Amino acid sequence: MDTKDSNGNILQDGDAVHVVKDLKIKGMPTTLKRGNVIKNIRLTNSLDEVECRIGKSQVVLKTMFLKKA
């Protein structure tokens, strides 16, 4: 199976994605605003999660809140 974003596009390692919705992340004082671009994502074993780096933190995000850039 392939990992897909909110629009159904197939995601691969190293892709850039846009955040579709404002997201509060546990342990971070700020929120990810809608439209932020996250570069160089990594796929995980789960089909509905990707791993990325925001600042100095490693974060796992659900693909339902992302769209391919």
C-alpha atoms as a PDB file:
ATOM      1  CA  MET A   1       0.000   0.000   0.000  1.00  0.00           C
ATOM      2  CA  ASP A   2       1.035   3.597  -0.573  1.00  0.00           C
ATOM      3  CA  THR A   3       1.025   6.502   1.851  1.00  0.00           C
ATOM      4  CA  LYS A   4      -1.371   9.181   0.581  1.00  0.00           C
ATOM      5  CA  ASP A   5      -2.020  12.793   1.564  1.00  0.00           C
ATOM      6  CA  SER A   6      -5.433  14.391   2.177  1.00  0.00           C
ATOM      7  CA  ASN A   7      -6.037  14.783  -1.581  1.00  0.00           C
ATOM      8  CA  GLY A   8      -5.039  11.218  -2.466  1.00  0.00           C
ATOM      9  CA  ASN A   9      -1.594  12.009  -3.886  1.00  0.00           C
ATOM     10  CA  ILE A  10       1.105   9.426  -3.152  1.00  0.00           C
ATOM     11  CA  LEU A  11       3.837  10.614  -0.763  1.00  0.00           C
ATOM     12  CA  GLN A  12       7.475   9.509  -0.927  1.00  0.00           C
ATOM     13  CA  ASP A  13      10.553  10.055   1.234  1.00  0.00           C
ATOM     14  CA  GLY A  14      11.994  13.545   0.765  1.00  0.00           C
ATOM     15  CA  ASP A  15       8.763  15.196  -0.436  1.00  0.00           C
ATOM     16  CA  ALA A  16       7.630  18.624   0.712  1.00  0.00           C
ATOM     17  CA  VAL A  17       4.116  19.016   2.124  1.00  0.00           C
ATOM     18  CA  HIS A  18       1.767  21.846   3.144  1.00  0.00           C
ATOM     19  CA  VAL A  19      -0.171  21.834   6.418  1.00  0.00           C
ATOM     20  CA  VAL A  20      -3.934  21.955   5.712  1.00  0.00           C
ATOM     21  CA  LYS A  21      -5.099  22.912   9.221  1.00  0.00           C
ATOM     22  CA  ASP A  22      -3.634  24.719  12.251  1.00  0.00           C
ATOM     23  CA  LEU A  23      -2.096  22.028  14.461  1.00  0.00           C
ATOM     24  CA  LYS A  24      -1.186  22.224  18.138  1.00  0.00           C
ATOM     25  CA  ILE A  25       1.762  19.946  18.848  1.00  0.00           C
ATOM     26  CA  LYS A  26       2.400  18.532  22.302  1.00  0.00           C
ATOM     27  CA  GLY A  27       5.634  19.772  23.825  1.00  0.00           C
ATOM     28  CA  MET A  28       5.983  22.762  21.482  1.00  0.00           C
ATOM     29  CA  PRO A  29       5.026  26.290  22.549  1.00  0.00           C
ATOM     30  CA  THR A  30       3.891  27.312  19.051  1.00  0.00           C
ATOM     31  CA  THR A  31       1.354  25.881  16.632  1.00  0.00           C
ATOM     32  CA  LEU A  32       1.870  24.845  13.030  1.00  0.00           C
ATOM     33  CA  LYS A  33      -0.118  27.324  10.981  1.00  0.00           C
ATOM     34  CA  ARG A  34      -2.125  26.409   7.916  1.00  0.00           C
ATOM     35  CA  GLY A  35      -0.021  26.696   4.758  1.00  0.00           C
ATOM     36  CA  ASN A  36       3.363  26.043   6.378  1.00  0.00           C
ATOM     37  CA  VAL A  37       5.684  24.040   4.162  1.00  0.00           C
ATOM     38  CA  ILE A  38       7.489  21.063   5.687  1.00  0.00           C
ATOM     39  CA  LYS A  39      10.380  19.757   3.619  1.00  0.00           C
ATOM     40  CA  ASN A  40      12.085  16.384   3.545  1.00  0.00           C
ATOM     41  CA  ILE A  41       9.469  14.134   5.147  1.00  0.00           C
ATOM     42  CA  ARG A  42      10.156  10.488   5.960  1.00  0.00           C
ATOM     43  CA  LEU A  43       7.633   7.681   5.736  1.00  0.00           C
ATOM     44  CA  THR A  44       6.980   5.460   8.748  1.00  0.00           C
ATOM     45  CA  ASN A  45       5.666   1.909   9.049  1.00  0.00           C
ATOM     46  CA  SER A  46       2.151   3.298   9.474  1.00  0.00           C
ATOM     47  CA  LEU A  47       0.360   4.344   6.273  1.00  0.00           C
ATOM     48  CA  ASP A  48      -1.332   7.360   7.887  1.00  0.00           C
ATOM     49  CA  GLU A  49       1.733   8.934   9.549  1.00  0.00           C
ATOM     50  CA  VAL A  50       4.901  10.686   8.363  1.00  0.00           C
ATOM     51  CA  GLU A  51       7.933  11.833  10.325  1.00  0.00           C
ATOM     52  CA  CYS A  52       9.457  15.276   9.857  1.00  0.00           C
ATOM     53  CA  ARG A  53      11.738  17.768  11.499  1.00  0.00           C
ATOM     54  CA  ILE A  54      10.351  21.084  12.739  1.00  0.00           C
ATOM     55  CA  GLY A  55      13.063  23.284  14.164  1.00  0.00           C
ATOM     56  CA  LYS A  56      15.192  20.929  16.243  1.00  0.00           C
ATOM     57  CA  SER A  57      12.352  18.528  17.051  1.00  0.00           C
ATOM     58  CA  GLN A  58      11.353  15.284  15.349  1.00  0.00           C
ATOM     59  CA  VAL A  59       7.558  15.199  14.931  1.00  0.00           C
ATOM     60  CA  VAL A  60       5.138  12.574  13.623  1.00  0.00           C
ATOM     61  CA  LEU A  61       2.165  14.021  11.729  1.00  0.00           C
ATOM     62  CA  LYS A  62      -1.020  12.424  10.405  1.00  0.00           C
ATOM     63  CA  THR A  63      -1.294  12.491   6.620  1.00  0.00           C
ATOM     64  CA  MET A  64      -4.928  13.653   6.798  1.00  0.00           C
ATOM     65  CA  PHE A  65      -3.614  17.129   7.716  1.00  0.00           C
ATOM     66  CA  LEU A  66      -1.039  17.334   4.892  1.00  0.00           C
ATOM     67  CA  LYS A  67      -1.098  17.883   1.144  1.00  0.00           C
ATOM     68  CA  LYS A  68       1.770  17.422  -1.280  1.00  0.00           C
ATOM     69  CA  ALA A  69       3.545  20.645  -2.285  1.00  0.00           C
END
